[in-house]
Amino acid sequence: MAPSASASAATYEPVYGNKIIKIDGDTVALPCPTIGVGCTEKVCFLDIDAPKTFHPDREEGLKLGLKAQARLAQLLRGQTVYVEGIRPARYL
């Protein structure tokens, strides 16, 4: 998950995957550079749309959202992720 060779190192921020909070399959919360209680930045993945985990009245969607969240956690575990800021999260 490293940035391409043509990318400027200043554009990307490395984040250790185990420190990323997985909200659902396409949204995470990144820890702030300066550690503080409740300090996170919500990020939605570009061009990915996964089922949400925050609709308890939609049981089937919730099951799929939790499955997507678990898969994302599996993919990020032990990895260094490089984040490039494009725009603010859409689902705030």
C-alpha atoms as a PDB file:
ATOM      1  CA  MET A   1       0.000   0.000   0.000  1.00  0.00           C
ATOM      2  CA  ALA A   2       2.935   2.319  -0.583  1.00  0.00           C
ATOM      3  CA  PRO A   3       2.587   5.473  -2.672  1.00  0.00           C
ATOM      4  CA  SER A   4       3.832   5.381  -6.252  1.00  0.00           C
ATOM      5  CA  ALA A   5       7.399   6.431  -7.019  1.00  0.00           C
ATOM      6  CA  SER A   6       6.160   9.537  -8.832  1.00  0.00           C
ATOM      7  CA  ALA A   7       4.236  10.783  -5.781  1.00  0.00           C
ATOM      8  CA  SER A   8       5.746  13.409  -3.558  1.00  0.00           C
ATOM      9  CA  ALA A   9       6.557  12.049  -0.105  1.00  0.00           C
ATOM     10  CA  ALA A  10       5.105  15.235   1.412  1.00  0.00           C
ATOM     11  CA  THR A  11       1.646  14.436  -0.033  1.00  0.00           C
ATOM     12  CA  TYR A  12       1.204  11.173   1.852  1.00  0.00           C
ATOM     13  CA  GLU A  13       0.893  10.495   5.555  1.00  0.00           C
ATOM     14  CA  PRO A  14       1.853   6.995   6.782  1.00  0.00           C
ATOM     15  CA  VAL A  15      -0.539   5.480   9.339  1.00  0.00           C
ATOM     16  CA  TYR A  16      -0.087   2.096  11.024  1.00  0.00           C
ATOM     17  CA  GLY A  17      -3.120  -0.053  10.177  1.00  0.00           C
ATOM     18  CA  ASN A  18      -3.637  -1.322  13.729  1.00  0.00           C
ATOM     19  CA  LYS A  19      -4.218   2.273  14.916  1.00  0.00           C
ATOM     20  CA  ILE A  20      -6.971   2.947  12.366  1.00  0.00           C
ATOM     21  CA  ILE A  21     -10.537   2.715  13.675  1.00  0.00           C
ATOM     22  CA  LYS A  22     -12.722   0.830  11.194  1.00  0.00           C
ATOM     23  CA  ILE A  23     -16.212   2.367  11.103  1.00  0.00           C
ATOM     24  CA  ASP A  24     -17.504   0.194   8.260  1.00  0.00           C
ATOM     25  CA  GLY A  25     -16.172  -1.189   4.978  1.00  0.00           C
ATOM     26  CA  ASP A  26     -15.479   2.183   3.364  1.00  0.00           C
ATOM     27  CA  THR A  27     -15.026   4.606   6.274  1.00  0.00           C
ATOM     28  CA  VAL A  28     -12.303   4.820   8.907  1.00  0.00           C
ATOM     29  CA  ALA A  29     -11.182   7.208  11.618  1.00  0.00           C
ATOM     30  CA  LEU A  30      -7.490   8.090  11.598  1.00  0.00           C
ATOM     31  CA  PRO A  31      -5.656   9.018  14.776  1.00  0.00           C
ATOM     32  CA  CYS A  32      -4.555  12.655  14.998  1.00  0.00           C
ATOM     33  CA  PRO A  33      -0.810  13.300  14.655  1.00  0.00           C
ATOM     34  CA  THR A  34      -0.835  14.758  18.182  1.00  0.00           C
ATOM     35  CA  ILE A  35      -2.365  12.164  20.473  1.00  0.00           C
ATOM     36  CA  GLY A  36      -5.406  13.337  22.420  1.00  0.00           C
ATOM     37  CA  VAL A  37      -8.564  11.818  23.844  1.00  0.00           C
ATOM     38  CA  GLY A  38     -11.201  11.524  21.130  1.00  0.00           C
ATOM     39  CA  CYS A  39      -8.919  13.027  18.515  1.00  0.00           C
ATOM     40  CA  THR A  40      -9.613  11.351  15.163  1.00  0.00           C
ATOM     41  CA  GLU A  41     -10.262  12.352  11.572  1.00  0.00           C
ATOM     42  CA  LYS A  42     -13.043  10.575   9.673  1.00  0.00           C
ATOM     43  CA  VAL A  43     -12.048   9.444   6.167  1.00  0.00           C
ATOM     44  CA  CYS A  44     -14.172   7.862   3.419  1.00  0.00           C
ATOM     45  CA  PHE A  45     -12.436   5.804   0.753  1.00  0.00           C
ATOM     46  CA  LEU A  46     -12.626   7.236  -2.742  1.00  0.00           C
ATOM     47  CA  ASP A  47     -14.761   5.214  -5.220  1.00  0.00           C
ATOM     48  CA  ILE A  48     -15.719   2.509  -2.690  1.00  0.00           C
ATOM     49  CA  ASP A  49     -19.262   2.040  -1.383  1.00  0.00           C
ATOM     50  CA  ALA A  50     -19.731  -0.634   1.279  1.00  0.00           C
ATOM     51  CA  PRO A  51     -22.802  -1.399   3.428  1.00  0.00           C
ATOM     52  CA  LYS A  52     -23.058   0.748   6.563  1.00  0.00           C
ATOM     53  CA  THR A  53     -22.921  -0.486  10.161  1.00  0.00           C
ATOM     54  CA  PHE A  54     -25.029   2.278  11.708  1.00  0.00           C
ATOM     55  CA  HIS A  55     -28.550   1.347  10.556  1.00  0.00           C
ATOM     56  CA  PRO A  56     -29.792  -1.022  13.285  1.00  0.00           C
ATOM     57  CA  ASP A  57     -33.298  -1.070  11.732  1.00  0.00           C
ATOM     58  CA  ARG A  58     -31.911  -2.709   8.574  1.00  0.00           C
ATOM     59  CA  GLU A  59     -30.760  -6.098   9.837  1.00  0.00           C
ATOM     60  CA  GLU A  60     -29.482  -7.528   6.547  1.00  0.00           C
ATOM     61  CA  GLY A  61     -27.571  -4.343   5.701  1.00  0.00           C
ATOM     62  CA  LEU A  62     -26.091  -4.314   9.201  1.00  0.00           C
ATOM     63  CA  LYS A  63     -24.858  -7.911   8.775  1.00  0.00           C
ATOM     64  CA  LEU A  64     -23.205  -7.011   5.453  1.00  0.00           C
ATOM     65  CA  GLY A  65     -21.739  -3.814   6.957  1.00  0.00           C
ATOM     66  CA  LEU A  66     -20.179  -5.768   9.831  1.00  0.00           C
ATOM     67  CA  LYS A  67     -18.779  -8.299   7.342  1.00  0.00           C
ATOM     68  CA  ALA A  68     -17.255  -5.455   5.264  1.00  0.00           C
ATOM     69  CA  GLN A  69     -15.840  -3.880   8.441  1.00  0.00           C
ATOM     70  CA  ALA A  70     -14.233  -7.199   9.457  1.00  0.00           C
ATOM     71  CA  ARG A  71     -12.688  -7.635   5.993  1.00  0.00           C
ATOM     72  CA  LEU A  72     -11.274  -4.107   6.093  1.00  0.00           C
ATOM     73  CA  ALA A  73      -9.776  -4.804   9.532  1.00  0.00           C
ATOM     74  CA  GLN A  74      -8.180  -7.965   8.123  1.00  0.00           C
ATOM     75  CA  LEU A  75      -6.670  -6.043   5.184  1.00  0.00           C
ATOM     76  CA  LEU A  76      -5.257  -3.249   7.387  1.00  0.00           C
ATOM     77  CA  ARG A  77      -3.922  -5.417  10.229  1.00  0.00           C
ATOM     78  CA  GLY A  78      -0.144  -5.057  10.494  1.00  0.00           C
ATOM     79  CA  GLN A  79       0.120  -2.829   7.399  1.00  0.00           C
ATOM     80  CA  THR A  80       1.397   0.702   6.972  1.00  0.00           C
ATOM     81  CA  VAL A  81      -1.202   2.682   5.070  1.00  0.00           C
ATOM     82  CA  TYR A  82      -0.379   5.863   3.167  1.00  0.00           C
ATOM     83  CA  VAL A  83      -3.154   8.447   3.248  1.00  0.00           C
ATOM     84  CA  GLU A  84      -3.584  11.236   0.737  1.00  0.00           C
ATOM     85  CA  GLY A  85      -6.118  13.915   1.586  1.00  0.00           C
ATOM     86  CA  ILE A  86      -8.413  14.699  -1.330  1.00  0.00           C
ATOM     87  CA  ARG A  87     -11.464  16.330   0.260  1.00  0.00           C
ATOM     88  CA  PRO A  88     -13.431  16.274   3.536  1.00  0.00           C
ATOM     89  CA  ALA A  89     -15.410  13.128   4.363  1.00  0.00           C
ATOM     90  CA  ARG A  90     -18.851  13.083   2.741  1.00  0.00           C
ATOM     91  CA  TYR A  91     -20.648  11.270   5.572  1.00  0.00           C
ATOM     92  CA  LEU A  92     -19.954  13.588   8.523  1.00  0.00           C
END
